[in-house]
Amino acid sequence: MLSIFDQGPPPPCPRPFNLAAHVMRHAQTCVEKTALSVLGSTGATDWTYGDLRSAILRTGAGLLQSGLNPGDTVLMRLGNTVDFPIAYLGAIAVGLVPVPTSSQLTDTETGKIIDDLKPAAVLRDPNVTCAPHPRQIMLVELVRMRSLPPATFAMGDPERLAYVVYTSGTSGKPRAVAHAHRAIWARQMMVDGWYGLQSSDRLCHAGAFNWTYTLGTGLMDPWTIGATALIPEPGTDIRELPALLKQHRATIFAAAPGVFRKIMQEKVQLNLPDLRHGLCAGEKLSRHLHERWVHLTGTELYEAYGMSECSTFISSSPSHPARGEALGQPQPGRRVAIVGPGGPVAQGQEGTIAIHRNDPGLMLTYLNAPEEAEARMAGNWFLTGDQGAMSADGQITYLGRDDDMMNAGGYRVSPVEVEAALSAHTGITQVGAAAVDVKQDSSIIVAFYTGPEELDAATLQAYVSDKLARYKQPRAFVHLSALPTGGNGKLLRRALPAYFKATSE
């Protein structure tokens, strides 16, 4: 039998359709229900479904009144506040195309995005850095828009462009991933295939409002089914999260593995009486971390695998727990395969994890590199770049990357991008970057370089600080007499971590 999971397609996306309208579809029947609670140490700030829908549609009206037109792209440089999802959905509601970005990006990085996409405007919090742009709509203006008469949802073809997210490319140049309005419809496959989510749930996500993982799993998915989203206020210490989960009766908790790791550093039982289970994504969950969570909370932890190009599509769930070291299985409605050079391989054999080109959650293309998007297709299969094997029951085991991409706290980072930032330094002749395990379940990005002499680490850190977002910056620098290369002279990045271990012993 071939390694293909296919239990039939999901229901087709309705026509006409609007992503924001779908997210707010319960707002008119749940007007007074709490859609969002921003959790603080002294209490919570609540938004009802009625308040949220009103703010979204009024913001959309204001964006159009500002001179923007449907189809225009708007770059989002907003901070970790509720203003981010309101502006994001407000733009989509009226047919604009928002581009959410991490507030950690530097002027240099945002300048490249502006040159690449040429957005019609930048939605800007003055406290968030951004390269110059002639049309900046400041946060105070966005908030003021909420007093305007509301717009109506712009319904249309679900295949039309809805939003763009950036992801690290293997070439070192971030790719603009273009998603259609139908992407939110596809996320319904996660509700049972990963979350086990119900309208009565109170789902707490530990991430920032302006992280796409939070935006999807922590906000839009709960709202789509009429549940309540809980988000800790900016600056919340991770060690305070268990108390907040208990105080605000969270029933599901979602975070990246690093957050779970820090919570469990305190070697005590976690008393979370309302919690049904946890959700984990962003990087591979270790068996050790999983077992420790179960031991300390008495609840399960369900992992999901995905990517910017298709969100999550393989996961464990309350109805289908993972077996052994497996990630889980493809969500109902997905068509997933393990692909080799000749197509899907036999069950049990290693190959590249791939998803069918007709999956409603798959991106439209890379806006700045459509040829690269097509190059990732093998027939009807979109190749993820991750290796795996599928068992007879559809469970998939993750076997690593087939390239040198790194993971930093849930973000994929290209070593080429890190190397390019350092290579211009006058004291460096050659540089290579790699992720290095420094202790159990914890890794850092390390830069290895050659040059006439060893350079001061603090100087190198300062050098990259305005060139790379904080999560992309190396945490250590290692001077070598020569970098490891293959017979053709090409850098062997996978050999680099051993040099870190040798120098640190």
Protein backbone atom coordinates (compact mmCIF):
# COMPACT_ATOMS: atom_id res chain seq x y z
CA MET A 1 0.00 0.00 0.00
CA LEU A 2 1.17 3.51 -0.81
CA SER A 3 1.66 6.22 1.82
CA ILE A 4 -1.45 8.22 0.93
CA PHE A 5 -4.05 9.47 3.44
CA ASP A 6 -7.33 10.29 1.72
CA GLN A 7 -10.72 9.93 3.42
CA GLY A 8 -12.56 12.24 1.06
CA PRO A 9 -12.48 16.02 0.61
CA PRO A 10 -13.98 18.55 3.02
CA PRO A 11 -17.25 20.31 2.10
CA PRO A 12 -16.65 22.97 -0.55
CA CYS A 13 -16.20 26.58 0.53
CA PRO A 14 -19.42 28.62 0.11
CA ARG A 15 -19.68 31.27 -2.60
CA PRO A 16 -19.67 34.23 -2.19
CA PHE A 17 -17.34 34.29 0.81
CA ASN A 18 -15.31 36.61 3.02
CA LEU A 19 -12.74 35.41 5.56
CA ALA A 20 -13.60 38.04 8.18
CA ALA A 21 -17.34 37.44 7.80
CA HIS A 22 -16.75 33.73 8.41
CA VAL A 23 -14.73 34.45 11.56
CA MET A 24 -17.51 36.71 12.87
CA ARG A 25 -20.39 34.48 11.74
CA HIS A 26 -21.64 33.94 15.33
CA ALA A 27 -21.43 37.59 16.34
CA GLN A 28 -25.07 38.43 15.60
CA THR A 29 -26.42 35.52 17.65
CA CYS A 30 -23.81 35.79 20.44
CA VAL A 31 -23.79 39.58 20.71
CA GLU A 32 -23.18 39.72 24.47
CA LYS A 33 -20.97 36.62 24.76
CA THR A 34 -17.32 37.28 25.60
CA ALA A 35 -15.24 36.75 22.47
CA LEU A 36 -11.93 37.85 23.98
CA SER A 37 -10.47 38.34 27.43
CA VAL A 38 -7.08 40.02 27.71
CA LEU A 39 -5.71 38.59 30.95
CA GLY A 40 -3.81 40.74 33.42
CA SER A 41 -2.55 40.22 36.95
CA THR A 42 -5.36 42.38 38.35
CA GLY A 43 -8.21 41.19 36.12
CA ALA A 44 -9.27 40.97 32.49
CA THR A 45 -10.39 43.32 29.74
CA ASP A 46 -13.29 41.77 27.84
CA TRP A 47 -14.55 42.20 24.30
CA THR A 48 -17.99 40.84 23.42
CA TYR A 49 -18.73 39.41 20.00
CA GLY A 50 -20.88 42.46 19.28
CA ASP A 51 -18.09 44.87 20.25
CA LEU A 52 -15.54 42.98 18.21
CA ARG A 53 -17.66 42.79 15.06
CA SER A 54 -18.46 46.50 15.32
CA ALA A 55 -14.78 47.45 15.74
CA ILE A 56 -13.78 45.31 12.74
CA LEU A 57 -16.41 46.73 10.37
CA ARG A 58 -15.89 50.33 11.50
CA THR A 59 -12.12 49.96 11.03
CA GLY A 60 -12.77 48.59 7.55
CA ALA A 61 -14.91 51.63 6.77
CA GLY A 62 -12.17 53.95 8.00
CA LEU A 63 -9.51 52.25 5.88
CA LEU A 64 -11.62 52.78 2.77
CA GLN A 65 -12.35 56.39 3.74
CA SER A 66 -8.59 56.95 4.07
CA GLY A 67 -8.28 56.43 0.32
CA LEU A 68 -7.41 52.75 0.16
CA ASN A 69 -9.18 50.60 -2.42
CA PRO A 70 -10.19 46.91 -2.40
CA GLY A 71 -7.23 44.83 -3.52
CA ASP A 72 -4.66 47.21 -2.01
CA THR A 73 -1.95 45.67 0.15
CA VAL A 74 -1.35 47.09 3.65
CA LEU A 75 1.73 46.23 5.69
CA MET A 76 0.96 45.73 9.39
CA ARG A 77 3.51 47.16 11.83
CA LEU A 78 1.41 47.00 14.98
CA GLY A 79 2.29 45.79 18.46
CA ASN A 80 1.06 43.09 20.79
CA THR A 81 -2.41 44.52 21.42
CA VAL A 82 -5.98 43.78 20.38
CA ASP A 83 -5.59 46.53 17.77
CA PHE A 84 -3.69 44.00 15.64
CA PRO A 85 -6.47 41.44 15.00
CA ILE A 86 -9.07 44.22 14.70
CA ALA A 87 -7.06 45.96 11.96
CA TYR A 88 -6.24 42.63 10.28
CA LEU A 89 -9.87 41.50 10.07
CA GLY A 90 -11.07 45.03 9.33
CA ALA A 91 -8.85 45.15 6.26
CA ILE A 92 -9.96 41.72 5.03
CA ALA A 93 -13.61 42.55 5.71
CA VAL A 94 -13.58 45.29 3.06
CA GLY A 95 -11.36 43.54 0.51
CA LEU A 96 -7.93 44.90 1.44
CA VAL A 97 -4.93 42.54 1.73
CA PRO A 98 -3.13 42.82 5.10
CA VAL A 99 0.44 41.61 5.57
CA PRO A 100 0.95 40.76 9.27
CA THR A 101 4.59 40.90 10.36
CA SER A 102 6.52 40.32 13.56
CA SER A 103 7.15 43.49 15.56
CA GLN A 104 10.74 42.21 15.97
CA LEU A 105 11.61 42.89 12.33
CA THR A 106 14.20 45.61 11.81
CA ASP A 107 14.09 48.66 9.53
CA THR A 108 16.30 46.75 7.11
CA GLU A 109 13.93 43.80 6.99
CA THR A 110 10.77 45.88 6.67
CA GLY A 111 12.47 47.93 3.94
CA LYS A 112 12.96 44.75 1.91
CA ILE A 113 9.27 43.87 2.33
CA ILE A 114 8.22 47.37 1.24
CA ASP A 115 10.45 47.14 -1.82
CA ASP A 116 9.11 43.66 -2.56
CA LEU A 117 5.35 44.22 -2.14
CA LYS A 118 5.05 48.00 -2.58
CA PRO A 119 2.11 48.24 -0.13
CA ALA A 120 -0.37 51.06 -0.53
CA ALA A 121 -0.02 51.91 3.17
CA VAL A 122 1.58 50.86 6.45
CA LEU A 123 -0.62 50.42 9.53
CA ARG A 124 1.74 51.67 12.19
CA ASP A 125 2.20 51.73 15.93
CA PRO A 126 4.86 54.43 16.50
CA ASN A 127 6.56 52.10 19.01
CA VAL A 128 7.14 49.46 16.29
CA THR A 129 10.06 50.07 13.98
CA CYS A 130 9.52 50.38 10.23
CA ALA A 131 11.40 51.54 7.16
CA PRO A 132 10.10 54.80 5.60
CA HIS A 133 6.86 54.68 3.62
CA PRO A 134 4.95 57.68 2.25
CA ARG A 135 1.53 56.52 3.53
CA GLN A 136 1.44 55.53 7.18
CA ILE A 137 -1.85 55.15 9.03
CA MET A 138 -0.96 55.51 12.68
CA LEU A 139 -2.49 53.55 15.55
CA VAL A 140 -4.35 56.59 16.90
CA GLU A 141 -6.10 56.90 13.52
CA LEU A 142 -7.04 53.22 13.52
CA VAL A 143 -8.60 53.53 16.98
CA ARG A 144 -10.48 56.67 15.94
CA MET A 145 -12.02 54.77 13.01
CA ARG A 146 -14.07 52.71 15.47
CA SER A 147 -16.46 55.65 15.86
CA LEU A 148 -17.37 55.66 12.14
CA PRO A 149 -20.49 54.03 10.65
CA PRO A 150 -19.68 50.36 9.96
CA ALA A 151 -18.88 49.00 6.52
CA THR A 152 -20.43 45.80 5.19
CA PHE A 153 -18.49 42.63 4.46
CA ALA A 154 -17.19 42.50 0.88
CA MET A 155 -18.29 39.08 -0.32
CA GLY A 156 -16.69 37.48 -3.35
CA ASP A 157 -14.77 34.58 -4.84
CA PRO A 158 -13.19 32.47 -2.05
CA GLU A 159 -10.17 31.97 -4.35
CA ARG A 160 -9.25 35.67 -4.33
CA LEU A 161 -6.25 36.94 -2.36
CA ALA A 162 -7.03 37.62 1.31
CA TYR A 163 -3.70 38.09 3.12
CA VAL A 164 0.05 37.58 2.83
CA VAL A 165 2.50 36.20 5.40
CA TYR A 166 6.27 36.05 5.14
CA THR A 167 8.27 32.89 5.68
CA SER A 168 12.01 32.18 5.46
CA GLY A 169 13.04 30.79 2.10
CA THR A 170 15.83 28.27 1.64
CA SER A 171 17.56 30.83 -0.61
CA GLY A 172 17.78 33.23 2.34
CA LYS A 173 15.18 35.61 0.93
CA PRO A 174 11.89 35.61 2.86
CA ARG A 175 8.97 34.51 0.70
CA ALA A 176 5.62 36.30 0.47
CA VAL A 177 3.07 33.50 0.99
CA ALA A 178 -0.24 34.49 -0.64
CA HIS A 179 -3.39 33.00 0.89
CA ALA A 180 -6.96 33.01 -0.38
CA HIS A 181 -10.12 33.79 1.62
CA ARG A 182 -10.86 30.04 1.60
CA ALA A 183 -7.90 29.47 3.97
CA ILE A 184 -10.14 30.13 6.99
CA TRP A 185 -12.71 27.60 5.71
CA ALA A 186 -9.95 24.96 5.58
CA ARG A 187 -9.05 25.63 9.21
CA GLN A 188 -12.30 23.97 10.27
CA MET A 189 -10.49 20.67 9.68
CA MET A 190 -8.40 21.52 12.75
CA VAL A 191 -11.40 21.87 15.05
CA ASP A 192 -11.86 18.12 15.45
CA GLY A 193 -8.57 17.02 13.86
CA TRP A 194 -6.46 18.85 16.46
CA TYR A 195 -8.28 21.08 18.93
CA GLY A 196 -11.31 19.07 19.98
CA LEU A 197 -12.74 22.60 20.22
CA GLN A 198 -16.31 23.35 21.36
CA SER A 199 -18.25 26.61 21.52
CA SER A 200 -18.21 26.37 25.33
CA ASP A 201 -14.39 26.34 25.46
CA ARG A 202 -12.16 29.07 26.83
CA LEU A 203 -8.96 28.72 24.80
CA CYS A 204 -5.88 30.51 26.11
CA HIS A 205 -2.97 31.11 23.74
CA ALA A 206 0.35 32.19 25.26
CA GLY A 207 1.59 34.02 22.16
CA ALA A 208 1.47 37.67 21.14
CA PHE A 209 -1.49 39.12 19.23
CA ASN A 210 0.79 39.85 16.27
CA TRP A 211 2.10 36.29 15.84
CA THR A 212 0.30 34.33 13.12
CA TYR A 213 0.13 31.22 15.36
CA THR A 214 -1.82 33.27 17.92
CA LEU A 215 -3.88 34.98 15.24
CA GLY A 216 -5.11 31.65 13.87
CA THR A 217 -5.19 29.16 16.76
CA GLY A 218 -5.65 31.65 19.58
CA LEU A 219 -8.19 34.03 18.07
CA MET A 220 -9.83 33.33 14.72
CA ASP A 221 -10.48 29.62 15.22
CA PRO A 222 -12.23 30.04 18.60
CA TRP A 223 -14.25 32.95 17.20
CA THR A 224 -15.24 30.96 14.12
CA ILE A 225 -17.11 28.46 16.30
CA GLY A 226 -18.34 30.93 18.95
CA ALA A 227 -15.86 30.06 21.73
CA THR A 228 -13.95 32.49 24.00
CA ALA A 229 -10.32 33.42 23.39
CA LEU A 230 -8.02 34.24 26.31
CA ILE A 231 -4.75 36.12 25.67
CA PRO A 232 -2.29 37.20 28.42
CA GLU A 233 -1.57 40.92 28.37
CA PRO A 234 1.78 42.08 26.95
CA GLY A 235 4.71 41.57 29.31
CA THR A 236 3.14 38.67 31.21
CA ASP A 237 5.83 36.49 32.80
CA ILE A 238 5.56 32.91 31.55
CA ARG A 239 5.75 31.74 35.17
CA GLU A 240 2.45 33.55 35.83
CA LEU A 241 0.57 31.59 33.17
CA PRO A 242 -0.54 28.63 35.34
CA ALA A 243 -2.17 31.02 37.83
CA LEU A 244 -3.92 32.88 34.99
CA LEU A 245 -5.12 29.62 33.44
CA LYS A 246 -6.66 28.59 36.75
CA GLN A 247 -8.10 32.03 37.62
CA HIS A 248 -9.78 32.48 34.23
CA ARG A 249 -10.96 28.86 33.90
CA ALA A 250 -9.10 28.05 30.71
CA THR A 251 -10.25 24.75 29.21
CA ILE A 252 -7.59 24.53 26.46
CA PHE A 253 -4.07 25.99 26.50
CA ALA A 254 -2.02 26.54 23.32
CA ALA A 255 1.64 27.49 23.07
CA ALA A 256 4.97 26.70 21.43
CA PRO A 257 7.11 23.97 23.07
CA GLY A 258 9.43 26.56 24.62
CA VAL A 259 6.55 27.99 26.69
CA PHE A 260 5.58 24.57 28.02
CA ARG A 261 9.26 23.95 28.83
CA LYS A 262 9.54 27.15 30.90
CA ILE A 263 6.25 26.55 32.72
CA MET A 264 7.45 23.14 33.81
CA GLN A 265 10.83 24.31 35.10
CA GLU A 266 9.15 24.69 38.47
CA LYS A 267 9.07 21.09 39.70
CA VAL A 268 5.55 21.17 41.16
CA GLN A 269 2.17 19.83 40.17
CA LEU A 270 0.13 22.24 38.08
CA ASN A 271 -3.37 22.62 39.53
CA LEU A 272 -5.56 23.41 36.50
CA PRO A 273 -9.02 22.03 37.35
CA ASP A 274 -10.82 23.37 34.26
CA LEU A 275 -8.17 22.43 31.70
CA ARG A 276 -9.12 19.64 29.29
CA HIS A 277 -5.83 19.52 27.36
CA GLY A 278 -2.98 21.49 25.81
CA LEU A 279 -2.10 22.25 22.17
CA CYS A 280 1.46 22.49 20.90
CA ALA A 281 2.88 23.63 17.53
CA GLY A 282 5.72 25.65 16.06
CA GLU A 283 8.51 23.11 16.45
CA LYS A 284 8.80 19.38 17.13
CA LEU A 285 7.53 18.39 20.57
CA SER A 286 9.91 16.04 22.41
CA ARG A 287 8.62 12.92 24.08
CA HIS A 288 10.22 14.06 27.34
CA LEU A 289 8.33 17.37 27.34
CA HIS A 290 5.07 15.64 26.45
CA GLU A 291 5.37 13.09 29.26
CA ARG A 292 6.30 15.76 31.80
CA TRP A 293 3.19 17.83 30.94
CA VAL A 294 0.95 14.80 31.35
CA HIS A 295 2.60 14.01 34.69
CA LEU A 296 2.32 17.56 36.09
CA THR A 297 -1.20 18.41 34.86
CA GLY A 298 -3.01 15.10 34.42
CA THR A 299 -4.09 16.29 30.96
CA GLU A 300 -2.95 15.40 27.45
CA LEU A 301 -0.87 17.54 25.11
CA TYR A 302 -1.76 17.37 21.41
CA GLU A 303 0.83 18.28 18.79
CA ALA A 304 0.27 19.70 15.31
CA TYR A 305 2.53 19.95 12.29
CA GLY A 306 2.17 22.60 9.62
CA MET A 307 3.80 25.47 7.79
CA SER A 308 3.10 29.02 6.63
CA GLU A 309 2.07 27.67 3.23
CA CYS A 310 -0.74 25.51 4.66
CA SER A 311 -1.02 26.09 8.41
CA THR A 312 -1.37 22.78 10.33
CA PHE A 313 -2.63 19.66 8.60
CA ILE A 314 -1.18 16.73 10.58
CA SER A 315 -2.00 16.48 14.28
CA SER A 316 -2.92 14.37 17.25
CA SER A 317 -6.28 15.05 18.88
CA PRO A 318 -8.62 13.82 21.62
CA SER A 319 -10.34 11.57 19.07
CA HIS A 320 -7.07 10.38 17.46
CA PRO A 321 -4.14 10.50 19.92
CA ALA A 322 -0.62 10.08 18.56
CA ARG A 323 0.94 6.67 18.91
CA GLY A 324 4.51 6.44 20.19
CA GLU A 325 6.81 8.99 18.53
CA ALA A 326 4.34 9.84 15.75
CA LEU A 327 3.11 13.39 15.12
CA GLY A 328 -0.42 12.12 14.66
CA GLN A 329 -2.39 11.69 11.48
CA PRO A 330 -3.66 13.99 8.72
CA GLN A 331 -6.80 15.85 9.73
CA PRO A 332 -10.11 14.57 8.28
CA GLY A 333 -10.58 16.14 4.85
CA ARG A 334 -6.85 16.42 4.12
CA ARG A 335 -5.07 14.48 1.39
CA VAL A 336 -1.48 13.86 2.49
CA ALA A 337 1.28 11.59 1.16
CA ILE A 338 4.88 10.61 1.80
CA VAL A 339 6.57 11.23 -1.54
CA GLY A 340 9.81 9.97 -3.07
CA PRO A 341 11.43 10.63 -6.48
CA GLY A 342 8.83 8.46 -8.21
CA GLY A 343 5.76 9.66 -6.31
CA PRO A 344 4.14 8.33 -3.11
CA VAL A 345 6.29 5.66 -1.46
CA ALA A 346 5.17 2.41 0.18
CA GLN A 347 3.83 2.59 3.74
CA GLY A 348 6.65 2.56 6.26
CA GLN A 349 9.22 4.00 3.86
CA GLU A 350 10.86 7.40 4.36
CA GLY A 351 10.05 10.27 2.03
CA THR A 352 9.01 13.92 1.94
CA ILE A 353 5.78 14.90 3.69
CA ALA A 354 3.49 16.39 1.03
CA ILE A 355 -0.03 17.77 0.76
CA HIS A 356 -2.27 17.69 -2.30
CA ARG A 357 -2.39 20.81 -4.46
CA ASN A 358 -6.21 20.95 -4.11
CA ASP A 359 -6.15 21.33 -0.32
CA PRO A 360 -8.30 24.42 0.42
CA GLY A 361 -5.74 25.61 2.96
CA LEU A 362 -2.76 25.54 0.60
CA MET A 363 -1.36 28.91 -0.46
CA LEU A 364 -2.06 30.47 -3.83
CA THR A 365 1.64 31.04 -4.58
CA TYR A 366 4.75 32.94 -3.47
CA LEU A 367 4.05 36.48 -4.70
CA ASN A 368 7.73 37.25 -5.17
CA ALA A 369 8.75 33.84 -6.54
CA PRO A 370 5.94 31.93 -8.33
CA GLU A 371 8.57 29.77 -10.03
CA GLU A 372 9.80 28.60 -6.60
CA ALA A 373 6.25 27.68 -5.60
CA GLU A 374 5.89 25.57 -8.74
CA ALA A 375 9.30 23.99 -8.14
CA ARG A 376 7.99 22.62 -4.84
CA MET A 377 5.30 20.63 -6.65
CA ALA A 378 5.88 16.98 -7.52
CA GLY A 379 2.92 16.23 -9.75
CA ASN A 380 -0.12 17.02 -7.61
CA TRP A 381 1.87 17.08 -4.35
CA PHE A 382 3.26 20.15 -2.59
CA LEU A 383 6.55 19.15 -0.93
CA THR A 384 7.05 20.48 2.60
CA GLY A 385 10.78 19.84 2.80
CA ASP A 386 10.29 17.70 5.92
CA GLN A 387 10.96 13.98 5.95
CA GLY A 388 8.53 11.45 7.41
CA ALA A 389 7.10 7.97 7.24
CA MET A 390 3.44 6.87 7.26
CA SER A 391 2.21 3.72 8.98
CA ALA A 392 -0.70 1.58 7.83
CA ASP A 393 -3.16 3.48 10.06
CA GLY A 394 -2.12 6.88 8.64
CA GLN A 395 -0.01 8.00 11.58
CA ILE A 396 3.04 10.00 10.44
CA THR A 397 6.44 10.09 12.14
CA TYR A 398 8.63 13.17 11.64
CA LEU A 399 12.20 12.35 10.53
CA GLY A 400 13.75 15.81 10.14
CA ARG A 401 14.39 18.43 7.45
CA ASP A 402 15.86 17.68 4.04
CA ASP A 403 17.60 21.08 4.07
CA ASP A 404 19.39 23.26 6.62
CA MET A 405 16.44 25.38 7.82
CA MET A 406 16.60 26.23 11.53
CA ASN A 407 13.85 26.65 14.12
CA ALA A 408 13.92 29.52 16.61
CA GLY A 409 11.06 29.49 19.11
CA GLY A 410 8.53 28.38 16.53
CA TYR A 411 9.85 30.52 13.65
CA ARG A 412 11.64 28.90 10.74
CA VAL A 413 14.87 30.74 10.01
CA SER A 414 17.06 30.37 6.93
CA PRO A 415 20.79 29.98 7.69
CA VAL A 416 21.48 31.83 4.43
CA GLU A 417 19.72 34.93 5.75
CA VAL A 418 21.78 34.87 8.96
CA GLU A 419 24.99 34.26 7.02
CA ALA A 420 24.26 37.14 4.63
CA ALA A 421 23.83 39.55 7.54
CA LEU A 422 27.28 38.63 8.96
CA SER A 423 29.24 38.14 5.75
CA ALA A 424 29.60 41.89 5.14
CA HIS A 425 31.54 42.34 8.40
CA THR A 426 35.11 43.37 7.57
CA GLY A 427 36.59 40.89 10.05
CA ILE A 428 34.77 37.85 8.65
CA THR A 429 35.94 35.95 5.58
CA GLN A 430 33.43 33.06 5.69
CA VAL A 431 30.41 32.30 7.87
CA GLY A 432 28.01 29.44 8.46
CA ALA A 433 24.95 29.27 10.72
CA ALA A 434 23.32 26.26 12.37
CA ALA A 435 20.95 25.37 15.21
CA VAL A 436 22.80 23.75 18.11
CA ASP A 437 21.30 21.77 21.00
CA VAL A 438 22.54 23.28 24.25
CA LYS A 439 20.48 21.15 26.64
CA GLN A 440 17.53 18.82 26.55
CA ASP A 441 14.68 20.30 24.46
CA SER A 442 16.55 23.57 23.94
CA SER A 443 18.58 24.85 20.98
CA ILE A 444 20.10 28.15 19.87
CA ILE A 445 21.30 29.64 16.58
CA VAL A 446 25.10 29.74 16.43
CA ALA A 447 27.26 31.54 13.86
CA PHE A 448 30.59 29.93 12.95
CA TYR A 449 33.07 32.16 11.13
CA THR A 450 36.62 32.45 9.85
CA GLY A 451 38.76 35.55 9.79
CA PRO A 452 42.17 36.92 10.75
CA GLU A 453 41.29 36.87 14.46
CA GLU A 454 38.54 36.07 16.92
CA LEU A 455 36.04 38.90 17.24
CA ASP A 456 34.27 40.12 20.34
CA ALA A 457 30.87 38.41 20.64
CA ALA A 458 29.17 41.57 21.92
CA THR A 459 30.44 43.49 18.90
CA LEU A 460 29.05 40.87 16.52
CA GLN A 461 25.74 40.87 18.41
CA ALA A 462 25.50 44.62 18.00
CA TYR A 463 26.41 44.30 14.32
CA VAL A 464 23.43 42.05 13.53
CA SER A 465 20.98 43.82 15.85
CA ASP A 466 19.75 46.23 13.15
CA LYS A 467 19.89 43.67 10.35
CA LEU A 468 17.98 40.70 11.78
CA ALA A 469 14.89 40.29 13.94
CA ARG A 470 15.76 39.21 17.47
CA TYR A 471 14.60 35.62 16.91
CA LYS A 472 16.93 35.30 13.88
CA GLN A 473 20.05 36.58 15.67
CA PRO A 474 22.77 34.12 16.71
CA ARG A 475 23.09 33.60 20.46
CA ALA A 476 26.74 32.50 20.16
CA PHE A 477 29.65 33.08 17.79
CA VAL A 478 32.46 30.58 17.20
CA HIS A 479 35.75 31.46 15.47
CA LEU A 480 37.27 28.62 13.44
CA SER A 481 40.40 28.31 11.35
CA ALA A 482 38.27 26.81 8.55
CA LEU A 483 34.65 25.85 8.05
CA PRO A 484 33.80 22.22 7.15
CA THR A 485 33.25 21.68 3.42
CA GLY A 486 32.49 18.79 1.10
CA GLY A 487 34.50 17.56 -1.84
CA ASN A 488 33.03 20.29 -4.04
CA GLY A 489 33.99 23.00 -1.58
CA LYS A 490 30.40 23.56 -0.44
CA LEU A 491 29.78 24.45 3.20
CA LEU A 492 28.57 21.48 5.28
CA ARG A 493 26.18 23.20 7.69
CA ARG A 494 25.13 19.94 9.32
CA ALA A 495 28.74 19.40 10.47
CA LEU A 496 28.87 22.76 12.28
CA PRO A 497 27.17 21.81 15.60
CA ALA A 498 30.02 19.40 16.42
CA TYR A 499 32.44 22.33 16.37
CA PHE A 500 30.36 24.15 18.97
CA LYS A 501 30.39 21.10 21.25
CA ALA A 502 34.15 20.74 20.79
CA THR A 503 34.86 24.38 21.67
CA SER A 504 32.50 24.38 24.68
CA GLU A 505 33.89 21.23 26.31
